[in-house]
Amino acid sequence: MALEEGAILARFDSTDTQLRAREALMGVMGDKYVVALNLAPATPRWLAAIHAEPMKLGLDLRGGVHFLMEVDMDTALGKLQEQNIDSLRSDLREKGIPYTTV
């Protein structure tokens, strides 16, 4: 539960749980308060920190978070190659296999 923009927002794992909670709250709160159902985003904090927004889908489909990452493939492959070379050298040394270059 959290206070967001002047309203109490309670998050539930399923729509069924949300409906049961709504009925229970309406019974307790009466006509003085509005109890509404909402599909609040469940964006992880690390994605919210980089301002990632949930995807909006029509009808009753639920959206997720669109996460796009650009990777410099030349740099990534170069680093992977260096890691593999270092690992191979370590394995050769560990097994006592002499080598000149890798």
N, C-alpha and C. Protein backbone atom coordinates (compact mmCIF):
# COMPACT_ATOMS: atom_id res chain seq x y z
N MET A 1 0.84 -1.17 0.00
CA MET A 1 0.00 0.00 0.00
C MET A 1 0.88 1.23 0.00
N ALA A 2 0.40 2.25 -0.72
CA ALA A 2 1.17 3.49 -0.79
C ALA A 2 0.22 4.65 -1.01
N LEU A 3 0.63 5.82 -0.58
CA LEU A 3 -0.11 7.04 -0.83
C LEU A 3 0.46 7.67 -2.08
N GLU A 4 -0.34 7.75 -3.15
CA GLU A 4 0.12 8.30 -4.42
C GLU A 4 -0.88 9.33 -4.91
N GLU A 5 -0.43 10.56 -5.04
CA GLU A 5 -1.26 11.67 -5.54
C GLU A 5 -2.57 11.80 -4.77
N GLY A 6 -2.49 11.72 -3.46
CA GLY A 6 -3.66 11.92 -2.61
C GLY A 6 -4.59 10.74 -2.51
N ALA A 7 -4.21 9.61 -3.06
CA ALA A 7 -5.05 8.41 -3.00
C ALA A 7 -4.24 7.26 -2.43
N ILE A 8 -4.92 6.34 -1.79
CA ILE A 8 -4.26 5.14 -1.29
C ILE A 8 -4.29 4.10 -2.40
N LEU A 9 -3.12 3.61 -2.76
CA LEU A 9 -3.01 2.61 -3.83
C LEU A 9 -2.55 1.30 -3.21
N ALA A 10 -3.38 0.28 -3.36
CA ALA A 10 -3.04 -1.06 -2.86
C ALA A 10 -2.83 -1.96 -4.07
N ARG A 11 -1.70 -2.63 -4.13
CA ARG A 11 -1.38 -3.52 -5.25
C ARG A 11 -1.63 -4.98 -4.84
N PHE A 12 -2.18 -5.75 -5.78
CA PHE A 12 -2.47 -7.16 -5.54
C PHE A 12 -1.90 -7.99 -6.67
N ASP A 13 -1.66 -9.27 -6.39
CA ASP A 13 -1.04 -10.17 -7.37
C ASP A 13 -1.98 -10.59 -8.49
N SER A 14 -3.29 -10.54 -8.24
CA SER A 14 -4.23 -11.01 -9.26
C SER A 14 -5.48 -10.14 -9.27
N THR A 15 -6.21 -10.22 -10.36
CA THR A 15 -7.47 -9.48 -10.48
C THR A 15 -8.49 -10.00 -9.48
N ASP A 16 -8.52 -11.32 -9.26
CA ASP A 16 -9.46 -11.90 -8.29
C ASP A 16 -9.23 -11.35 -6.89
N THR A 17 -7.98 -11.25 -6.49
CA THR A 17 -7.65 -10.71 -5.17
C THR A 17 -8.05 -9.24 -5.10
N GLN A 18 -7.83 -8.52 -6.18
CA GLN A 18 -8.19 -7.10 -6.24
C GLN A 18 -9.72 -6.94 -6.08
N LEU A 19 -10.49 -7.79 -6.74
CA LEU A 19 -11.95 -7.71 -6.65
C LEU A 19 -12.44 -8.04 -5.23
N ARG A 20 -11.83 -9.05 -4.60
CA ARG A 20 -12.22 -9.39 -3.22
C ARG A 20 -11.88 -8.25 -2.26
N ALA A 21 -10.73 -7.63 -2.45
CA ALA A 21 -10.33 -6.51 -1.60
C ALA A 21 -11.28 -5.33 -1.81
N ARG A 22 -11.68 -5.10 -3.04
CA ARG A 22 -12.61 -4.00 -3.35
C ARG A 22 -13.93 -4.20 -2.60
N GLU A 23 -14.46 -5.41 -2.66
CA GLU A 23 -15.73 -5.70 -1.97
C GLU A 23 -15.58 -5.49 -0.46
N ALA A 24 -14.48 -5.96 0.10
CA ALA A 24 -14.24 -5.81 1.54
C ALA A 24 -14.13 -4.34 1.92
N LEU A 25 -13.39 -3.56 1.13
CA LEU A 25 -13.22 -2.13 1.42
C LEU A 25 -14.52 -1.37 1.27
N MET A 26 -15.31 -1.69 0.26
CA MET A 26 -16.59 -1.01 0.07
C MET A 26 -17.52 -1.27 1.25
N GLY A 27 -17.46 -2.48 1.81
CA GLY A 27 -18.27 -2.79 2.98
C GLY A 27 -17.86 -1.99 4.20
N VAL A 28 -16.57 -1.75 4.36
CA VAL A 28 -16.06 -1.02 5.51
C VAL A 28 -16.19 0.49 5.32
N MET A 29 -15.87 0.99 4.13
CA MET A 29 -15.82 2.43 3.87
C MET A 29 -17.20 3.04 3.61
N GLY A 30 -18.12 2.26 3.10
CA GLY A 30 -19.45 2.78 2.81
C GLY A 30 -19.44 3.75 1.64
N ASP A 31 -20.37 4.70 1.66
CA ASP A 31 -20.52 5.66 0.55
C ASP A 31 -19.62 6.88 0.68
N LYS A 32 -18.86 7.00 1.75
CA LYS A 32 -18.04 8.19 1.97
C LYS A 32 -16.80 8.22 1.10
N TYR A 33 -16.37 7.05 0.61
CA TYR A 33 -15.13 6.96 -0.17
C TYR A 33 -15.39 6.19 -1.46
N VAL A 34 -14.59 6.49 -2.46
CA VAL A 34 -14.67 5.78 -3.74
C VAL A 34 -13.61 4.68 -3.72
N VAL A 35 -14.02 3.46 -4.03
CA VAL A 35 -13.09 2.34 -4.15
C VAL A 35 -13.11 1.94 -5.62
N ALA A 36 -12.01 2.19 -6.32
CA ALA A 36 -11.97 1.95 -7.76
C ALA A 36 -10.88 0.94 -8.10
N LEU A 37 -11.12 0.21 -9.18
CA LEU A 37 -10.11 -0.73 -9.68
C LEU A 37 -9.23 -0.02 -10.69
N ASN A 38 -7.97 -0.37 -10.68
CA ASN A 38 -7.01 0.30 -11.56
C ASN A 38 -5.91 -0.69 -11.89
N LEU A 39 -5.33 -0.56 -13.07
CA LEU A 39 -4.16 -1.37 -13.43
C LEU A 39 -2.92 -0.51 -13.25
N ALA A 40 -2.40 -0.49 -12.05
CA ALA A 40 -1.21 0.30 -11.75
C ALA A 40 0.02 -0.43 -12.25
N PRO A 41 0.97 0.30 -12.84
CA PRO A 41 2.18 -0.36 -13.34
C PRO A 41 3.00 -0.95 -12.20
N ALA A 42 3.67 -2.05 -12.51
CA ALA A 42 4.55 -2.70 -11.53
C ALA A 42 5.99 -2.62 -12.03
N THR A 43 6.39 -1.44 -12.45
CA THR A 43 7.72 -1.23 -13.00
C THR A 43 8.77 -1.36 -11.90
N PRO A 44 9.80 -2.19 -12.09
CA PRO A 44 10.86 -2.29 -11.08
C PRO A 44 11.54 -0.94 -10.85
N ARG A 45 12.04 -0.72 -9.65
CA ARG A 45 12.65 0.58 -9.31
C ARG A 45 13.80 0.95 -10.24
N TRP A 46 14.62 -0.04 -10.63
CA TRP A 46 15.77 0.29 -11.47
C TRP A 46 15.32 0.78 -12.85
N LEU A 47 14.19 0.28 -13.35
CA LEU A 47 13.68 0.78 -14.63
C LEU A 47 13.01 2.14 -14.45
N ALA A 48 12.31 2.32 -13.33
CA ALA A 48 11.69 3.61 -13.06
C ALA A 48 12.76 4.69 -12.92
N ALA A 49 13.92 4.32 -12.37
CA ALA A 49 15.01 5.28 -12.19
C ALA A 49 15.53 5.82 -13.51
N ILE A 50 15.40 5.05 -14.58
CA ILE A 50 15.84 5.53 -15.90
C ILE A 50 14.64 5.98 -16.73
N HIS A 51 13.51 6.22 -16.02
CA HIS A 51 12.29 6.77 -16.63
C HIS A 51 11.67 5.85 -17.68
N ALA A 52 11.77 4.55 -17.49
CA ALA A 52 11.11 3.60 -18.39
C ALA A 52 9.61 3.63 -18.11
N GLU A 53 8.81 3.65 -19.14
CA GLU A 53 7.36 3.72 -19.01
C GLU A 53 6.72 2.40 -19.44
N PRO A 54 5.61 2.00 -18.80
CA PRO A 54 4.91 0.79 -19.24
C PRO A 54 4.32 0.99 -20.64
N MET A 55 4.26 -0.09 -21.40
CA MET A 55 3.64 -0.03 -22.72
C MET A 55 2.12 -0.02 -22.53
N LYS A 56 1.43 0.83 -23.26
CA LYS A 56 -0.02 0.90 -23.19
C LYS A 56 -0.60 -0.03 -24.25
N LEU A 57 -1.44 -0.96 -23.82
CA LEU A 57 -2.09 -1.89 -24.74
C LEU A 57 -3.60 -1.69 -24.66
N GLY A 58 -4.30 -1.94 -25.75
CA GLY A 58 -5.73 -1.73 -25.80
C GLY A 58 -6.51 -2.86 -25.15
N LEU A 59 -7.84 -2.70 -25.14
CA LEU A 59 -8.79 -3.65 -24.57
C LEU A 59 -8.40 -3.99 -23.15
N ASP A 60 -8.41 -5.24 -22.79
CA ASP A 60 -8.06 -5.59 -21.42
C ASP A 60 -6.71 -6.31 -21.35
N LEU A 61 -5.88 -6.04 -22.34
CA LEU A 61 -4.53 -6.61 -22.32
C LEU A 61 -3.67 -5.78 -21.38
N ARG A 62 -2.79 -6.45 -20.68
CA ARG A 62 -1.90 -5.72 -19.77
C ARG A 62 -0.57 -5.48 -20.44
N GLY A 63 -0.06 -4.30 -20.27
CA GLY A 63 1.22 -3.95 -20.87
C GLY A 63 2.38 -4.30 -19.97
N GLY A 64 3.53 -4.39 -20.55
CA GLY A 64 4.75 -4.62 -19.81
C GLY A 64 5.64 -3.40 -19.94
N VAL A 65 6.89 -3.57 -19.71
CA VAL A 65 7.85 -2.48 -19.86
C VAL A 65 8.72 -2.79 -21.06
N HIS A 66 8.82 -1.84 -21.96
CA HIS A 66 9.67 -1.99 -23.14
C HIS A 66 11.06 -1.49 -22.77
N PHE A 67 12.02 -2.38 -22.82
CA PHE A 67 13.38 -2.03 -22.43
C PHE A 67 14.29 -2.26 -23.62
N LEU A 68 14.90 -1.21 -24.11
CA LEU A 68 15.77 -1.29 -25.27
C LEU A 68 17.18 -0.89 -24.84
N MET A 69 18.15 -1.74 -25.14
CA MET A 69 19.53 -1.45 -24.78
C MET A 69 20.38 -1.52 -26.04
N GLU A 70 21.16 -0.49 -26.25
CA GLU A 70 22.06 -0.48 -27.40
C GLU A 70 23.42 -0.99 -26.94
N VAL A 71 23.97 -1.93 -27.70
CA VAL A 71 25.25 -2.54 -27.34
C VAL A 71 26.24 -2.32 -28.47
N ASP A 72 27.45 -1.87 -28.11
CA ASP A 72 28.54 -1.76 -29.08
C ASP A 72 29.11 -3.17 -29.23
N MET A 73 28.69 -3.85 -30.29
CA MET A 73 29.03 -5.26 -30.47
C MET A 73 30.54 -5.48 -30.60
N ASP A 74 31.25 -4.59 -31.28
CA ASP A 74 32.70 -4.76 -31.42
C ASP A 74 33.38 -4.77 -30.05
N THR A 75 33.00 -3.82 -29.20
CA THR A 75 33.58 -3.75 -27.86
C THR A 75 33.17 -4.97 -27.02
N ALA A 76 31.90 -5.35 -27.08
CA ALA A 76 31.42 -6.49 -26.30
C ALA A 76 32.12 -7.78 -26.73
N LEU A 77 32.25 -7.99 -28.04
CA LEU A 77 32.92 -9.20 -28.52
C LEU A 77 34.41 -9.18 -28.18
N GLY A 78 35.03 -8.00 -28.25
CA GLY A 78 36.44 -7.88 -27.88
C GLY A 78 36.67 -8.25 -26.42
N LYS A 79 35.78 -7.77 -25.53
CA LYS A 79 35.90 -8.10 -24.10
C LYS A 79 35.67 -9.59 -23.86
N LEU A 80 34.70 -10.15 -24.56
CA LEU A 80 34.44 -11.59 -24.42
C LEU A 80 35.64 -12.40 -24.89
N GLN A 81 36.25 -11.98 -25.98
CA GLN A 81 37.43 -12.67 -26.50
C GLN A 81 38.57 -12.61 -25.49
N GLU A 82 38.80 -11.44 -24.88
CA GLU A 82 39.86 -11.30 -23.87
C GLU A 82 39.57 -12.20 -22.67
N GLN A 83 38.32 -12.27 -22.23
CA GLN A 83 37.96 -13.13 -21.10
C GLN A 83 38.23 -14.59 -21.43
N ASN A 84 37.88 -15.00 -22.64
CA ASN A 84 38.11 -16.39 -23.04
C ASN A 84 39.60 -16.71 -23.12
N ILE A 85 40.39 -15.78 -23.63
CA ILE A 85 41.85 -15.97 -23.71
C ILE A 85 42.43 -16.10 -22.30
N ASP A 86 42.02 -15.20 -21.39
CA ASP A 86 42.51 -15.26 -20.01
C ASP A 86 42.12 -16.58 -19.35
N SER A 87 40.90 -17.02 -19.59
CA SER A 87 40.42 -18.28 -19.02
C SER A 87 41.23 -19.46 -19.56
N LEU A 88 41.50 -19.45 -20.86
CA LEU A 88 42.28 -20.52 -21.48
C LEU A 88 43.70 -20.55 -20.91
N ARG A 89 44.32 -19.38 -20.76
CA ARG A 89 45.66 -19.31 -20.18
C ARG A 89 45.67 -19.88 -18.76
N SER A 90 44.67 -19.51 -17.97
CA SER A 90 44.58 -20.02 -16.59
C SER A 90 44.44 -21.53 -16.57
N ASP A 91 43.59 -22.06 -17.45
CA ASP A 91 43.41 -23.51 -17.52
C ASP A 91 44.69 -24.22 -17.92
N LEU A 92 45.41 -23.67 -18.89
CA LEU A 92 46.67 -24.28 -19.33
C LEU A 92 47.69 -24.29 -18.20
N ARG A 93 47.82 -23.14 -17.49
CA ARG A 93 48.76 -23.07 -16.36
C ARG A 93 48.36 -24.05 -15.26
N GLU A 94 47.07 -24.11 -14.96
CA GLU A 94 46.57 -24.98 -13.90
C GLU A 94 46.86 -26.45 -14.19
N LYS A 95 46.81 -26.83 -15.45
CA LYS A 95 47.04 -28.23 -15.83
C LYS A 95 48.51 -28.50 -16.20
N GLY A 96 49.36 -27.47 -16.06
CA GLY A 96 50.78 -27.64 -16.32
C GLY A 96 51.11 -27.84 -17.79
N ILE A 97 50.31 -27.29 -18.67
CA ILE A 97 50.54 -27.42 -20.11
C ILE A 97 51.29 -26.18 -20.58
N PRO A 98 52.53 -26.37 -21.08
CA PRO A 98 53.29 -25.21 -21.54
C PRO A 98 52.69 -24.65 -22.84
N TYR A 99 52.78 -23.33 -22.99
CA TYR A 99 52.30 -22.69 -24.21
C TYR A 99 53.16 -21.47 -24.50
N THR A 100 53.20 -21.08 -25.76
CA THR A 100 53.96 -19.89 -26.16
C THR A 100 53.02 -18.70 -26.28
N THR A 101 51.99 -18.84 -27.08
CA THR A 101 51.01 -17.76 -27.23
C THR A 101 49.61 -18.37 -27.31
N VAL A 102 48.65 -17.56 -26.95
CA VAL A 102 47.24 -17.97 -27.06
C VAL A 102 46.54 -16.92 -27.88
